[in-house]
Every structure is written in structure tokens, then in C-alpha cells.
Amino acid sequence: MAKKGFTPEQIINKLREAEILINQGATIAVVTKKIGVSDYTYYRWRKELEQENSRLKKLVADLSLDNPILKEATRGNF
């Protein structure tokens, strides 16, 4: 049986749809059936998304700290 491959955009759309259904009171079992993935896949996607968001937040925080330091250095105020 061939493995389904979803693009990142498709995964995000499916997770958004799942979130809407969950907020409307649907169970995870019903939601995963409706979006066409297994419970395992749903939870894996959620975990990967949370990890990516965490990584990006850390990156933004680091850049936010580096930016004023670099501006200060380019002005020659050491």
C-alpha cells in the first residue's frame, strides 16, 4: 500500500480543520476520521508543529537580542 504524502500546506489545513472540529466538541477519533489520518499521524503532526514553533520562537528571540547589539556596534559605541 502506497504511503500518502501530504504537503506542509495540506498538513496545516488539516490541523486547522481538526482544531475547529475539536472546538465544536468532536472527539479526536471523529476528527481524525474526518480529516483522513490516523490518531498517531494527527498527534505526530501536532508534536512536530509545536517543536517547529518553539524553534522559530527561540530564533526570533535570539535575533531580537542580536539586533540592538549589532546596531550599537555599527554606530561605533563600544
Protein backbone atom coordinates (compact mmCIF):
# COMPACT_ATOMS: atom_id res chain seq x y z
CA MET A 1 0.00 0.00 0.00
CA ALA A 2 1.44 3.36 -1.03
CA LYS A 3 2.11 5.93 1.66
CA LYS A 4 0.16 9.16 1.35
CA GLY A 5 2.35 12.19 1.19
CA PHE A 6 0.91 15.47 2.33
CA THR A 7 2.48 18.82 1.61
CA PRO A 8 3.15 21.13 4.56
CA GLU A 9 0.25 23.32 3.42
CA GLN A 10 -2.10 20.34 3.38
CA ILE A 11 -0.97 19.31 6.86
CA ILE A 12 -1.56 22.81 8.23
CA ASN A 13 -5.02 22.92 6.63
CA LYS A 14 -5.90 19.53 8.10
CA LEU A 15 -4.68 20.60 11.54
CA ARG A 16 -6.73 23.81 11.31
CA GLU A 17 -9.79 21.83 10.32
CA ALA A 18 -9.15 19.44 13.21
CA GLU A 19 -8.83 22.33 15.66
CA ILE A 20 -12.17 23.76 14.51
CA LEU A 21 -13.87 20.39 14.91
CA ILE A 22 -12.34 19.86 18.35
CA ASN A 23 -13.52 23.31 19.45
CA GLN A 24 -17.01 22.32 18.29
CA GLY A 25 -16.87 19.35 20.64
CA ALA A 26 -15.83 16.49 18.36
CA THR A 27 -13.60 13.74 19.73
CA ILE A 28 -10.13 13.06 18.37
CA ALA A 29 -11.34 9.78 16.88
CA VAL A 30 -14.09 11.56 14.92
CA VAL A 31 -11.77 14.38 13.90
CA THR A 32 -9.02 12.12 12.60
CA LYS A 33 -11.52 10.07 10.63
CA LYS A 34 -12.97 13.23 9.10
CA ILE A 35 -9.58 14.63 8.05
CA GLY A 36 -8.46 11.22 6.79
CA VAL A 37 -5.47 10.44 9.01
CA SER A 38 -4.78 8.11 11.92
CA ASP A 39 -4.68 9.24 15.54
CA TYR A 40 -0.95 8.58 15.52
CA THR A 41 -0.42 10.81 12.47
CA TYR A 42 -2.52 13.59 14.00
CA TYR A 43 -0.54 13.57 17.25
CA ARG A 44 2.77 13.33 15.37
CA TRP A 45 1.85 16.33 13.23
CA ARG A 46 0.83 18.30 16.32
CA LYS A 47 4.09 17.46 18.07
CA GLU A 48 6.20 18.38 15.04
CA LEU A 49 4.31 21.66 14.68
CA GLU A 50 4.84 22.51 18.35
CA GLN A 51 8.56 21.74 18.05
CA GLU A 52 8.87 23.90 14.92
CA ASN A 53 7.00 26.77 16.58
CA SER A 54 9.26 26.50 19.61
CA ARG A 55 12.36 26.56 17.40
CA LEU A 56 11.11 29.59 15.49
CA LYS A 57 10.21 31.48 18.68
CA LYS A 58 13.71 30.87 20.01
CA LEU A 59 15.19 32.07 16.72
CA VAL A 60 13.12 35.26 16.81
CA ALA A 61 14.11 35.87 20.43
CA ASP A 62 17.80 35.45 19.57
CA LEU A 63 17.51 37.82 16.62
CA SER A 64 15.62 40.34 18.74
CA LEU A 65 18.52 40.36 21.18
CA ASP A 66 21.20 40.47 18.50
CA ASN A 67 19.66 43.33 16.53
CA PRO A 68 20.20 46.12 19.12
CA ILE A 69 23.72 44.84 19.81
CA LEU A 70 24.60 44.98 16.11
CA LYS A 71 23.10 48.47 15.74
CA GLU A 72 25.17 49.65 18.68
CA ALA A 73 28.33 48.12 17.21
CA THR A 74 27.79 49.70 13.80
CA ARG A 75 27.49 53.14 15.41
CA GLY A 76 30.89 52.67 16.98
CA ASN A 77 29.64 52.90 20.57
CA PHE A 78 31.56 50.09 22.19
